[in-house]
Amino acid sequence: MKLINYKIKNKSENKLGLIENNSVVDLLRLSKHLDIAVPKTIDELLSSSHLGLENIHRTLKKADKLNVNKEDYIIPKAKLTYSPLIKKPGKILCVGMNYVNHIIERGGDVPISPIFFNKFPNTLAAHKQEIVLQANAKKVDYEGELVIVIGKQINNVNEKKAEDAIFGYTIGNDVSDRVFQYESSQWLIGKSMDDFAPIGPSIVTKDSIDSVQDLSIQTRLNGKVVQDSSTKEMLFDVNKIVSYASQYMTLMPGDLIFTGTPKGVILEQPKEKQKWLKTNDKVDISIESLGTLSNVFV
């Protein structure tokens, strides 16, 4: 199941939508027609994910049973604006150095446990949202990544229970200003400029993915492939990452975890070939089974 938050253009209200056959179904209108209450947004869904998903499944099952034509509930693309999938996550965690090929290109040491850093909610942006390059931005880079969405409160759990706590997955771009990133021993400033964490286009529930550790991941810059890898190349898998983080902090529904980027970022290139992101550059990140996250920098 692929779920989004969206707005109808010129209206402010966020709504929960369902992607089917590359179209967005007005899930709220459909459920209301069938007299079933479903969450109004993804944030509301994650606050009680078991019941929320159950009612969404009931809605779709009833629609099929009654031969309801879902085409009547499709939102025209001209009227649709994607909203950030999560409005205010409690935590945005990121794992650094999680693909060996990226570590080799960087010339770093292979870590023996996940390396975490964080972003803040001000960094969140939506699919197709324009990403503003601030006036003081210097060397801005892309990082295509698989993102974990937490669906249950957990603390100090093993990998099996960590898997149970995962609601689903989305695509993320861990946008980074490399100058600010390395101005101190902490990466925070270079990672946390406004809109530096676009995610989307949807959250895909984990039951819709056969093997999350065997998904192709590809980043294109202005149509040219610059990253081409697979999640099977991750040093620490998603269950290990979630379990490890839970040893140190309570993870809550709606928390996001960026799982690291493969080789191919601008930083890895020889200095004479480094062409940093600039106005009108378009970055498309595709992950198998999840879709494509697209953003233009302005």
C-alpha atoms as a PDB file:
ATOM      1  CA  MET A   1       0.000   0.000   0.000  1.00  0.00           C
ATOM      2  CA  LYS A   2       1.331   3.408  -1.000  1.00  0.00           C
ATOM      3  CA  LEU A   3       0.082   6.335   1.071  1.00  0.00           C
ATOM      4  CA  ILE A   4       0.635  10.076   0.670  1.00  0.00           C
ATOM      5  CA  ASN A   5      -0.258  13.371   2.273  1.00  0.00           C
ATOM      6  CA  TYR A   6      -1.574  15.841  -0.269  1.00  0.00           C
ATOM      7  CA  LYS A   7      -3.353  19.130  -0.725  1.00  0.00           C
ATOM      8  CA  ILE A   8      -5.737  20.310  -3.377  1.00  0.00           C
ATOM      9  CA  LYS A   9      -4.134  23.355  -4.967  1.00  0.00           C
ATOM     10  CA  ASN A  10      -5.088  26.660  -3.327  1.00  0.00           C
ATOM     11  CA  LYS A  11      -6.358  24.836  -0.220  1.00  0.00           C
ATOM     12  CA  SER A  12      -4.447  24.431   3.041  1.00  0.00           C
ATOM     13  CA  GLU A  13      -5.798  21.151   4.423  1.00  0.00           C
ATOM     14  CA  ASN A  14      -3.568  18.063   4.303  1.00  0.00           C
ATOM     15  CA  LYS A  15      -5.347  14.832   3.405  1.00  0.00           C
ATOM     16  CA  LEU A  16      -4.520  11.144   3.236  1.00  0.00           C
ATOM     17  CA  GLY A  17      -4.381   9.667  -0.254  1.00  0.00           C
ATOM     18  CA  LEU A  18      -3.734   6.254  -1.752  1.00  0.00           C
ATOM     19  CA  ILE A  19      -1.598   5.659  -4.838  1.00  0.00           C
ATOM     20  CA  GLU A  20      -3.004   3.021  -7.178  1.00  0.00           C
ATOM     21  CA  ASN A  21      -1.866   2.532 -10.777  1.00  0.00           C
ATOM     22  CA  ASN A  22       0.094   5.809 -10.654  1.00  0.00           C
ATOM     23  CA  SER A  23      -3.033   7.740  -9.701  1.00  0.00           C
ATOM     24  CA  VAL A  24      -4.021   9.235  -6.334  1.00  0.00           C
ATOM     25  CA  VAL A  25      -7.318   8.043  -4.874  1.00  0.00           C
ATOM     26  CA  ASP A  26      -9.238  10.373  -2.542  1.00  0.00           C
ATOM     27  CA  LEU A  27      -9.284   7.883   0.314  1.00  0.00           C
ATOM     28  CA  LEU A  28     -11.270  10.115   2.649  1.00  0.00           C
ATOM     29  CA  ARG A  29     -14.095  10.648   0.178  1.00  0.00           C
ATOM     30  CA  LEU A  30     -14.167   6.949  -0.706  1.00  0.00           C
ATOM     31  CA  SER A  31     -14.273   5.853   2.943  1.00  0.00           C
ATOM     32  CA  LYS A  32     -16.972   8.398   3.759  1.00  0.00           C
ATOM     33  CA  HIS A  33     -19.084   7.062   0.887  1.00  0.00           C
ATOM     34  CA  LEU A  34     -18.700   3.559   2.358  1.00  0.00           C
ATOM     35  CA  ASP A  35     -19.361   4.738   5.942  1.00  0.00           C
ATOM     36  CA  ILE A  36     -15.946   3.739   7.296  1.00  0.00           C
ATOM     37  CA  ALA A  37     -13.765   6.116   9.307  1.00  0.00           C
ATOM     38  CA  VAL A  38     -10.116   6.302   8.203  1.00  0.00           C
ATOM     39  CA  PRO A  39      -7.318   8.606   9.433  1.00  0.00           C
ATOM     40  CA  LYS A  40      -7.254  12.043   7.841  1.00  0.00           C
ATOM     41  CA  THR A  41      -3.465  12.239   7.473  1.00  0.00           C
ATOM     42  CA  ILE A  42      -0.428   9.958   7.713  1.00  0.00           C
ATOM     43  CA  ASP A  43       0.447  11.537  11.083  1.00  0.00           C
ATOM     44  CA  GLU A  44      -2.996  10.560  12.384  1.00  0.00           C
ATOM     45  CA  LEU A  45      -2.598   7.084  10.894  1.00  0.00           C
ATOM     46  CA  LEU A  46       0.742   6.536  12.639  1.00  0.00           C
ATOM     47  CA  SER A  47      -0.715   7.507  16.014  1.00  0.00           C
ATOM     48  CA  SER A  48      -2.826   4.330  15.829  1.00  0.00           C
ATOM     49  CA  SER A  49      -1.430   2.445  12.861  1.00  0.00           C
ATOM     50  CA  HIS A  50      -3.010  -0.969  13.475  1.00  0.00           C
ATOM     51  CA  LEU A  51      -6.586   0.337  13.606  1.00  0.00           C
ATOM     52  CA  GLY A  52      -5.957   2.886  10.876  1.00  0.00           C
ATOM     53  CA  LEU A  53      -4.587   0.320   8.433  1.00  0.00           C
ATOM     54  CA  GLU A  54      -7.382  -2.076   9.302  1.00  0.00           C
ATOM     55  CA  ASN A  55     -10.006   0.529   8.379  1.00  0.00           C
ATOM     56  CA  ILE A  56      -8.205   1.406   5.141  1.00  0.00           C
ATOM     57  CA  HIS A  57      -8.162  -2.284   4.191  1.00  0.00           C
ATOM     58  CA  ARG A  58     -11.860  -2.539   5.116  1.00  0.00           C
ATOM     59  CA  THR A  59     -12.601   0.433   2.864  1.00  0.00           C
ATOM     60  CA  LEU A  60     -10.786  -1.065  -0.128  1.00  0.00           C
ATOM     61  CA  LYS A  61     -12.297  -4.516   0.439  1.00  0.00           C
ATOM     62  CA  LYS A  62     -15.815  -3.087   0.695  1.00  0.00           C
ATOM     63  CA  ALA A  63     -15.270  -0.982  -2.417  1.00  0.00           C
ATOM     64  CA  ASP A  64     -14.276  -4.097  -4.360  1.00  0.00           C
ATOM     65  CA  LYS A  65     -17.197  -6.097  -2.958  1.00  0.00           C
ATOM     66  CA  LEU A  66     -19.673  -3.413  -4.008  1.00  0.00           C
ATOM     67  CA  ASN A  67     -17.945  -2.908  -7.363  1.00  0.00           C
ATOM     68  CA  VAL A  68     -17.310   0.745  -6.569  1.00  0.00           C
ATOM     69  CA  ASN A  69     -15.425   2.368  -9.432  1.00  0.00           C
ATOM     70  CA  LYS A  70     -12.311   3.915  -7.853  1.00  0.00           C
ATOM     71  CA  GLU A  71     -11.796   5.952 -11.034  1.00  0.00           C
ATOM     72  CA  ASP A  72     -14.589   8.183  -9.727  1.00  0.00           C
ATOM     73  CA  TYR A  73     -12.399   9.059  -6.735  1.00  0.00           C
ATOM     74  CA  ILE A  74      -9.139   9.825  -8.528  1.00  0.00           C
ATOM     75  CA  ILE A  75      -7.748  13.315  -7.955  1.00  0.00           C
ATOM     76  CA  PRO A  76      -6.739  15.082 -11.185  1.00  0.00           C
ATOM     77  CA  LYS A  77      -2.967  15.600 -11.237  1.00  0.00           C
ATOM     78  CA  ALA A  78      -3.448  19.250 -12.180  1.00  0.00           C
ATOM     79  CA  LYS A  79      -5.158  19.848  -8.825  1.00  0.00           C
ATOM     80  CA  LEU A  80      -2.767  17.816  -6.688  1.00  0.00           C
ATOM     81  CA  THR A  81       0.122  19.075  -4.562  1.00  0.00           C
ATOM     82  CA  TYR A  82       2.229  16.643  -2.547  1.00  0.00           C
ATOM     83  CA  SER A  83       2.736  17.530   1.126  1.00  0.00           C
ATOM     84  CA  PRO A  84       5.535  16.319   3.415  1.00  0.00           C
ATOM     85  CA  LEU A  85       4.689  12.765   4.431  1.00  0.00           C
ATOM     86  CA  ILE A  86       5.254  13.470   8.116  1.00  0.00           C
ATOM     87  CA  LYS A  87       4.445  16.906   9.467  1.00  0.00           C
ATOM     88  CA  LYS A  88       6.464  16.955  12.693  1.00  0.00           C
ATOM     89  CA  PRO A  89       8.475  13.814  13.399  1.00  0.00           C
ATOM     90  CA  GLY A  90       9.934  13.637  16.876  1.00  0.00           C
ATOM     91  CA  LYS A  91      13.251  12.486  15.441  1.00  0.00           C
ATOM     92  CA  ILE A  92      15.006  12.424  12.096  1.00  0.00           C
ATOM     93  CA  LEU A  93      17.969  10.093  12.490  1.00  0.00           C
ATOM     94  CA  CYS A  94      20.496   9.447   9.744  1.00  0.00           C
ATOM     95  CA  VAL A  95      23.093   6.714   9.361  1.00  0.00           C
ATOM     96  CA  GLY A  96      26.439   7.704   7.899  1.00  0.00           C
ATOM     97  CA  MET A  97      28.942   5.479   6.125  1.00  0.00           C
ATOM     98  CA  ASN A  98      26.529   2.569   5.623  1.00  0.00           C
ATOM     99  CA  TYR A  99      27.576   1.481   2.106  1.00  0.00           C
ATOM    100  CA  VAL A 100      31.049  -0.006   1.801  1.00  0.00           C
ATOM    101  CA  ASN A 101      31.513   1.304  -1.748  1.00  0.00           C
ATOM    102  CA  HIS A 102      30.773   4.825  -0.489  1.00  0.00           C
ATOM    103  CA  ILE A 103      33.263   4.380   2.367  1.00  0.00           C
ATOM    104  CA  ILE A 104      35.948   3.217  -0.069  1.00  0.00           C
ATOM    105  CA  GLU A 105      35.358   6.210  -2.339  1.00  0.00           C
ATOM    106  CA  ARG A 106      35.561   8.526   0.687  1.00  0.00           C
ATOM    107  CA  GLY A 107      38.699   6.817   1.981  1.00  0.00           C
ATOM    108  CA  GLY A 108      37.209   6.258   5.440  1.00  0.00           C
ATOM    109  CA  ASP A 109      37.298   3.359   7.879  1.00  0.00           C
ATOM    110  CA  VAL A 110      34.529   0.758   7.879  1.00  0.00           C
ATOM    111  CA  PRO A 111      32.533   1.251  11.114  1.00  0.00           C
ATOM    112  CA  ILE A 112      31.761  -1.648  13.441  1.00  0.00           C
ATOM    113  CA  SER A 113      28.389  -0.189  14.471  1.00  0.00           C
ATOM    114  CA  PRO A 114      25.949   2.311  12.902  1.00  0.00           C
ATOM    115  CA  ILE A 115      27.097   5.940  12.914  1.00  0.00           C
ATOM    116  CA  PHE A 116      24.181   8.246  13.687  1.00  0.00           C
ATOM    117  CA  PHE A 117      23.658  11.957  13.162  1.00  0.00           C
ATOM    118  CA  ASN A 118      20.428  13.934  12.934  1.00  0.00           C
ATOM    119  CA  LYS A 119      18.416  16.455  11.033  1.00  0.00           C
ATOM    120  CA  PHE A 120      15.535  18.606  12.285  1.00  0.00           C
ATOM    121  CA  PRO A 121      11.898  18.945  11.102  1.00  0.00           C
ATOM    122  CA  ASN A 122      12.711  22.225   9.294  1.00  0.00           C
ATOM    123  CA  THR A 123      14.585  20.100   6.734  1.00  0.00           C
ATOM    124  CA  LEU A 124      11.514  18.168   5.598  1.00  0.00           C
ATOM    125  CA  ALA A 125      10.240  18.773   2.095  1.00  0.00           C
ATOM    126  CA  ALA A 126       7.821  16.995  -0.210  1.00  0.00           C
ATOM    127  CA  HIS A 127       7.993  15.217  -3.536  1.00  0.00           C
ATOM    128  CA  LYS A 128       8.086  17.793  -6.359  1.00  0.00           C
ATOM    129  CA  GLN A 129       8.697  20.640  -3.906  1.00  0.00           C
ATOM    130  CA  GLU A 130      11.289  23.177  -5.038  1.00  0.00           C
ATOM    131  CA  ILE A 131      14.355  23.159  -2.785  1.00  0.00           C
ATOM    132  CA  VAL A 132      15.675  26.654  -2.142  1.00  0.00           C
ATOM    133  CA  LEU A 133      19.447  27.046  -2.160  1.00  0.00           C
ATOM    134  CA  GLN A 134      20.026  29.606   0.580  1.00  0.00           C
ATOM    135  CA  ALA A 135      22.243  32.589  -0.166  1.00  0.00           C
ATOM    136  CA  ASN A 136      24.998  31.276   2.100  1.00  0.00           C
ATOM    137  CA  ALA A 137      24.940  27.739   0.664  1.00  0.00           C
ATOM    138  CA  LYS A 138      28.324  26.809  -0.812  1.00  0.00           C
ATOM    139  CA  LYS A 139      28.868  23.198  -1.840  1.00  0.00           C
ATOM    140  CA  VAL A 140      25.497  21.424  -1.882  1.00  0.00           C
ATOM    141  CA  ASP A 141      25.403  17.682  -2.564  1.00  0.00           C
ATOM    142  CA  TYR A 142      22.721  15.005  -3.033  1.00  0.00           C
ATOM    143  CA  GLU A 143      22.475  11.660  -1.205  1.00  0.00           C
ATOM    144  CA  GLY A 144      19.836   9.172  -2.347  1.00  0.00           C
ATOM    145  CA  GLU A 145      18.654   6.982   0.538  1.00  0.00           C
ATOM    146  CA  LEU A 146      16.111   4.466   1.767  1.00  0.00           C
ATOM    147  CA  VAL A 147      14.179   5.910   4.723  1.00  0.00           C
ATOM    148  CA  ILE A 148      12.576   3.883   7.529  1.00  0.00           C
ATOM    149  CA  VAL A 149       9.261   5.066   8.999  1.00  0.00           C
ATOM    150  CA  ILE A 150       8.668   3.930  12.586  1.00  0.00           C
ATOM    151  CA  GLY A 151       5.126   2.831  13.451  1.00  0.00           C
ATOM    152  CA  LYS A 152       5.340   1.732  17.099  1.00  0.00           C
ATOM    153  CA  GLN A 153       6.930   3.006  20.305  1.00  0.00           C
ATOM    154  CA  ILE A 154       9.974   0.889  21.152  1.00  0.00           C
ATOM    155  CA  ASN A 155      12.906   1.001  23.515  1.00  0.00           C
ATOM    156  CA  ASN A 156      15.858  -1.399  23.857  1.00  0.00           C
ATOM    157  CA  VAL A 157      14.527  -4.093  21.504  1.00  0.00           C
ATOM    158  CA  ASN A 158      16.134  -6.916  19.550  1.00  0.00           C
ATOM    159  CA  GLU A 159      16.135  -7.034  15.758  1.00  0.00           C
ATOM    160  CA  LYS A 160      12.923  -9.089  15.534  1.00  0.00           C
ATOM    161  CA  LYS A 161      10.963  -6.586  17.605  1.00  0.00           C
ATOM    162  CA  ALA A 162      12.635  -3.786  15.696  1.00  0.00           C
ATOM    163  CA  GLU A 163      11.217  -5.204  12.471  1.00  0.00           C
ATOM    164  CA  ASP A 164       7.745  -5.300  14.027  1.00  0.00           C
ATOM    165  CA  ALA A 165       8.043  -1.584  14.834  1.00  0.00           C
ATOM    166  CA  ILE A 166       8.690  -0.554  11.234  1.00  0.00           C
ATOM    167  CA  PHE A 167       5.575   0.837   9.554  1.00  0.00           C
ATOM    168  CA  GLY A 168       7.032   1.192   6.099  1.00  0.00           C
ATOM    169  CA  TYR A 169       9.579   2.888   3.895  1.00  0.00           C
ATOM    170  CA  THR A 170      10.031   5.924   1.707  1.00  0.00           C
ATOM    171  CA  ILE A 171      12.759   7.602  -0.351  1.00  0.00           C
ATOM    172  CA  GLY A 172      14.900  10.425   0.980  1.00  0.00           C
ATOM    173  CA  ASN A 173      17.534  12.869  -0.206  1.00  0.00           C
ATOM    174  CA  ASP A 174      19.983  13.675   2.585  1.00  0.00           C
ATOM    175  CA  VAL A 175      20.939  17.015   1.020  1.00  0.00           C
ATOM    176  CA  SER A 176      24.207  18.289   2.494  1.00  0.00           C
ATOM    177  CA  ASP A 177      26.300  21.438   2.313  1.00  0.00           C
ATOM    178  CA  ARG A 178      29.794  19.945   2.439  1.00  0.00           C
ATOM    179  CA  VAL A 179      31.483  23.160   3.607  1.00  0.00           C
ATOM    180  CA  PHE A 180      29.193  23.616   6.614  1.00  0.00           C
ATOM    181  CA  GLN A 181      29.157  19.856   7.293  1.00  0.00           C
ATOM    182  CA  TYR A 182      32.875  19.836   8.048  1.00  0.00           C
ATOM    183  CA  GLU A 183      33.243  23.199   9.772  1.00  0.00           C
ATOM    184  CA  SER A 184      33.147  21.357  13.103  1.00  0.00           C
ATOM    185  CA  SER A 185      33.409  17.790  14.361  1.00  0.00           C
ATOM    186  CA  GLN A 186      29.610  17.566  14.145  1.00  0.00           C
ATOM    187  CA  TRP A 187      27.827  17.386  10.779  1.00  0.00           C
ATOM    188  CA  LEU A 188      24.697  19.118  12.042  1.00  0.00           C
ATOM    189  CA  ILE A 189      24.753  22.541  10.346  1.00  0.00           C
ATOM    190  CA  GLY A 190      25.574  21.216   6.884  1.00  0.00           C
ATOM    191  CA  LYS A 191      22.782  18.669   7.162  1.00  0.00           C
ATOM    192  CA  SER A 192      20.026  20.822   8.647  1.00  0.00           C
ATOM    193  CA  MET A 193      19.428  23.763   6.333  1.00  0.00           C
ATOM    194  CA  ASP A 194      15.793  24.358   5.385  1.00  0.00           C
ATOM    195  CA  ASP A 195      14.303  21.747   3.024  1.00  0.00           C
ATOM    196  CA  PHE A 196      17.460  19.589   3.103  1.00  0.00           C
ATOM    197  CA  ALA A 197      15.484  16.369   3.700  1.00  0.00           C
ATOM    198  CA  PRO A 198      12.913  15.872   0.942  1.00  0.00           C
ATOM    199  CA  ILE A 199      11.103  12.541   1.278  1.00  0.00           C
ATOM    200  CA  GLY A 200       8.454  10.803  -0.788  1.00  0.00           C
ATOM    201  CA  PRO A 201       6.569  10.427  -2.968  1.00  0.00           C
ATOM    202  CA  SER A 202       4.757   7.968  -0.665  1.00  0.00           C
ATOM    203  CA  ILE A 203       5.152   5.754   2.347  1.00  0.00           C
ATOM    204  CA  VAL A 204       5.006   2.117   1.241  1.00  0.00           C
ATOM    205  CA  THR A 205       3.841  -0.234   3.980  1.00  0.00           C
ATOM    206  CA  LYS A 206       6.353  -2.978   4.724  1.00  0.00           C
ATOM    207  CA  ASP A 207       3.935  -5.761   3.738  1.00  0.00           C
ATOM    208  CA  SER A 208       4.051  -4.440   0.161  1.00  0.00           C
ATOM    209  CA  ILE A 209       7.810  -5.055  -0.180  1.00  0.00           C
ATOM    210  CA  ASP A 210       9.169  -8.561  -0.762  1.00  0.00           C
ATOM    211  CA  SER A 211      12.729  -7.899   0.408  1.00  0.00           C
ATOM    212  CA  VAL A 212      13.739  -4.472   1.632  1.00  0.00           C
ATOM    213  CA  GLN A 213      17.390  -5.560   1.607  1.00  0.00           C
ATOM    214  CA  ASP A 214      17.368  -6.237  -2.118  1.00  0.00           C
ATOM    215  CA  LEU A 215      16.028  -3.078  -3.738  1.00  0.00           C
ATOM    216  CA  SER A 216      17.769  -1.202  -6.528  1.00  0.00           C
ATOM    217  CA  ILE A 217      18.522   2.448  -5.721  1.00  0.00           C
ATOM    218  CA  GLN A 218      19.418   4.989  -8.374  1.00  0.00           C
ATOM    219  CA  THR A 219      19.966   8.748  -8.362  1.00  0.00           C
ATOM    220  CA  ARG A 220      19.843  10.883 -11.514  1.00  0.00           C
ATOM    221  CA  LEU A 221      21.097  14.449 -11.775  1.00  0.00           C
ATOM    222  CA  ASN A 222      19.487  16.277 -14.699  1.00  0.00           C
ATOM    223  CA  GLY A 223      18.707  12.874 -16.224  1.00  0.00           C
ATOM    224  CA  LYS A 224      22.219  11.438 -15.833  1.00  0.00           C
ATOM    225  CA  VAL A 225      22.680   8.423 -13.538  1.00  0.00           C
ATOM    226  CA  VAL A 226      25.082   9.371 -10.729  1.00  0.00           C
ATOM    227  CA  GLN A 227      24.288   6.716  -8.119  1.00  0.00           C
ATOM    228  CA  ASP A 228      23.416   3.120  -9.012  1.00  0.00           C
ATOM    229  CA  SER A 229      23.406   0.512  -6.263  1.00  0.00           C
ATOM    230  CA  SER A 230      21.201  -1.783  -4.167  1.00  0.00           C
ATOM    231  CA  THR A 231      20.100  -1.882  -0.540  1.00  0.00           C
ATOM    232  CA  LYS A 232      21.767  -5.305  -0.335  1.00  0.00           C
ATOM    233  CA  GLU A 233      25.046  -3.360  -0.246  1.00  0.00           C
ATOM    234  CA  MET A 234      24.126  -1.759   3.103  1.00  0.00           C
ATOM    235  CA  LEU A 235      26.623  -2.505   5.856  1.00  0.00           C
ATOM    236  CA  PHE A 236      23.923  -2.516   8.556  1.00  0.00           C
ATOM    237  CA  ASP A 237      20.438  -3.658   7.548  1.00  0.00           C
ATOM    238  CA  VAL A 238      17.238  -1.886   8.562  1.00  0.00           C
ATOM    239  CA  ASN A 239      16.452  -4.161  11.514  1.00  0.00           C
ATOM    240  CA  LYS A 240      19.965  -3.737  12.911  1.00  0.00           C
ATOM    241  CA  ILE A 241      19.726   0.043  12.533  1.00  0.00           C
ATOM    242  CA  VAL A 242      16.374   0.300  14.337  1.00  0.00           C
ATOM    243  CA  SER A 243      17.406  -2.119  17.088  1.00  0.00           C
ATOM    244  CA  TYR A 244      20.702  -0.317  17.645  1.00  0.00           C
ATOM    245  CA  ALA A 245      19.063   3.129  17.841  1.00  0.00           C
ATOM    246  CA  SER A 246      16.508   1.796  20.331  1.00  0.00           C
ATOM    247  CA  GLN A 247      19.309   0.855  22.748  1.00  0.00           C
ATOM    248  CA  TYR A 248      19.926   4.558  23.345  1.00  0.00           C
ATOM    249  CA  MET A 249      16.588   6.292  22.841  1.00  0.00           C
ATOM    250  CA  THR A 250      12.873   5.564  22.648  1.00  0.00           C
ATOM    251  CA  LEU A 251      11.681   5.508  19.055  1.00  0.00           C
ATOM    252  CA  MET A 252       8.176   6.811  18.444  1.00  0.00           C
ATOM    253  CA  PRO A 253       5.586   6.514  15.654  1.00  0.00           C
ATOM    254  CA  GLY A 254       6.494   8.925  12.880  1.00  0.00           C
ATOM    255  CA  ASP A 255      10.230   8.944  13.597  1.00  0.00           C
ATOM    256  CA  LEU A 256      12.301   8.769  10.412  1.00  0.00           C
ATOM    257  CA  ILE A 257      15.633   7.043   9.872  1.00  0.00           C
ATOM    258  CA  PHE A 258      17.710   7.730   6.752  1.00  0.00           C
ATOM    259  CA  THR A 259      19.786   4.600   6.150  1.00  0.00           C
ATOM    260  CA  GLY A 260      22.832   5.952   4.302  1.00  0.00           C
ATOM    261  CA  THR A 261      23.835   6.586   0.714  1.00  0.00           C
ATOM    262  CA  PRO A 262      25.822   4.520  -1.806  1.00  0.00           C
ATOM    263  CA  LYS A 263      28.763   5.800  -3.818  1.00  0.00           C
ATOM    264  CA  GLY A 264      28.326   8.471  -6.474  1.00  0.00           C
ATOM    265  CA  VAL A 265      27.906  11.705  -4.507  1.00  0.00           C
ATOM    266  CA  ILE A 266      29.668  14.856  -5.694  1.00  0.00           C
ATOM    267  CA  LEU A 267      32.017  14.865  -2.691  1.00  0.00           C
ATOM    268  CA  GLU A 268      33.688  11.673  -3.960  1.00  0.00           C
ATOM    269  CA  GLN A 269      34.746  13.235  -7.250  1.00  0.00           C
ATOM    270  CA  PRO A 270      38.213  14.745  -7.795  1.00  0.00           C
ATOM    271  CA  LYS A 271      38.136  18.422  -6.807  1.00  0.00           C
ATOM    272  CA  GLU A 272      38.566  19.597 -10.394  1.00  0.00           C
ATOM    273  CA  LYS A 273      35.414  17.646 -11.363  1.00  0.00           C
ATOM    274  CA  GLN A 274      33.183  18.618  -8.457  1.00  0.00           C
ATOM    275  CA  LYS A 275      30.170  20.484  -9.794  1.00  0.00           C
ATOM    276  CA  TRP A 276      27.935  21.274  -6.839  1.00  0.00           C
ATOM    277  CA  LEU A 277      24.141  21.560  -7.060  1.00  0.00           C
ATOM    278  CA  LYS A 278      22.958  24.839  -8.538  1.00  0.00           C
ATOM    279  CA  THR A 279      19.764  26.596  -9.561  1.00  0.00           C
ATOM    280  CA  ASN A 280      17.526  24.540 -11.894  1.00  0.00           C
ATOM    281  CA  ASP A 281      19.291  21.246 -11.169  1.00  0.00           C
ATOM    282  CA  LYS A 282      16.831  18.371 -10.898  1.00  0.00           C
ATOM    283  CA  VAL A 283      17.509  15.340  -8.698  1.00  0.00           C
ATOM    284  CA  ASP A 284      15.457  12.148  -9.156  1.00  0.00           C
ATOM    285  CA  ILE A 285      15.952   9.272  -6.712  1.00  0.00           C
ATOM    286  CA  SER A 286      14.337   5.949  -7.589  1.00  0.00           C
ATOM    287  CA  ILE A 287      14.101   2.922  -5.314  1.00  0.00           C
ATOM    288  CA  GLU A 288      12.575  -0.313  -6.536  1.00  0.00           C
ATOM    289  CA  SER A 289       9.000  -0.837  -5.222  1.00  0.00           C
ATOM    290  CA  LEU A 290       8.922   2.691  -3.744  1.00  0.00           C
ATOM    291  CA  GLY A 291       8.817   4.959  -6.798  1.00  0.00           C
ATOM    292  CA  THR A 292      10.739   8.143  -7.595  1.00  0.00           C
ATOM    293  CA  LEU A 293      11.350  11.228  -5.461  1.00  0.00           C
ATOM    294  CA  SER A 294      11.872  14.322  -7.630  1.00  0.00           C
ATOM    295  CA  ASN A 295      12.988  17.817  -6.637  1.00  0.00           C
ATOM    296  CA  VAL A 296      14.304  20.868  -8.469  1.00  0.00           C
ATOM    297  CA  PHE A 297      16.741  23.227  -6.753  1.00  0.00           C
ATOM    298  CA  VAL A 298      16.066  26.936  -7.073  1.00  0.00           C
END
